[in-house]
Amino acid sequence: MPRWRSWPPNPVAIAIFKCSIAYLIASLFTFVPVLSAMLSFQSETDAHGRVSRKPAYSAHMVATIAVYVSSNSLTSLRYGTADSQFNPAKTIGNMTLALRFCFLLALGSSCVSLLAMGTVKFFDHFSPSGGTNWDWMSEVGDWVVCVLYIGGSMGSLAWLKLWVANPSFNSGKLL
């Protein structure tokens, strides 16, 4: 019997089918205006004051992520690596765990963002111009944000990835 007629198909064929379906759905959300408007939209006002709703310019990212998902899941199946990223070939339990990690990391990133904004406002408050012009105190505040919050959060994510040692954490981090 030919190999392509065997049932059930092997796991690689199932993963290819799932990734193809994911890419098809993502493409629909990119090219069909009604579906694209459900994801995101923006209002643009022209010179005459007319407001028009258009899909956001970043709506194409859905298909981009689906392409990334497809390539990662196929690569992980091909080479048998356990650290595959978020992909449609994962189980429901692992996807749920990745979403839990995503919510926790989103909460953490919100806290880091608020602290960084507070730090900039703090330094702008004590700057000679009150933060309206460039001066050395505002510059120091910007560098503190760059080094402490951006560098610290990236270092913390790298450390957490090693400490948690779970492929679903990597998926949640990407989400």
Foldseek 3Di string as FASTA:
>chain_A
DDPVPDPPHDLLVVQLVQLVVQLVVLVCCVPPFVNLVVVDWDWDQDPVGDIDIGRDPCSNVSNVVSVVQSVQVNVCVVVVDQQGADHRSDDPVLLVLLQVLLVVVVVVVVVLVVVLVVLLQVQLCPDPVSVPDDDDSSVVSVVCSVCPRVVVVVVVLVVVCVVVVHSSNRRSVVD
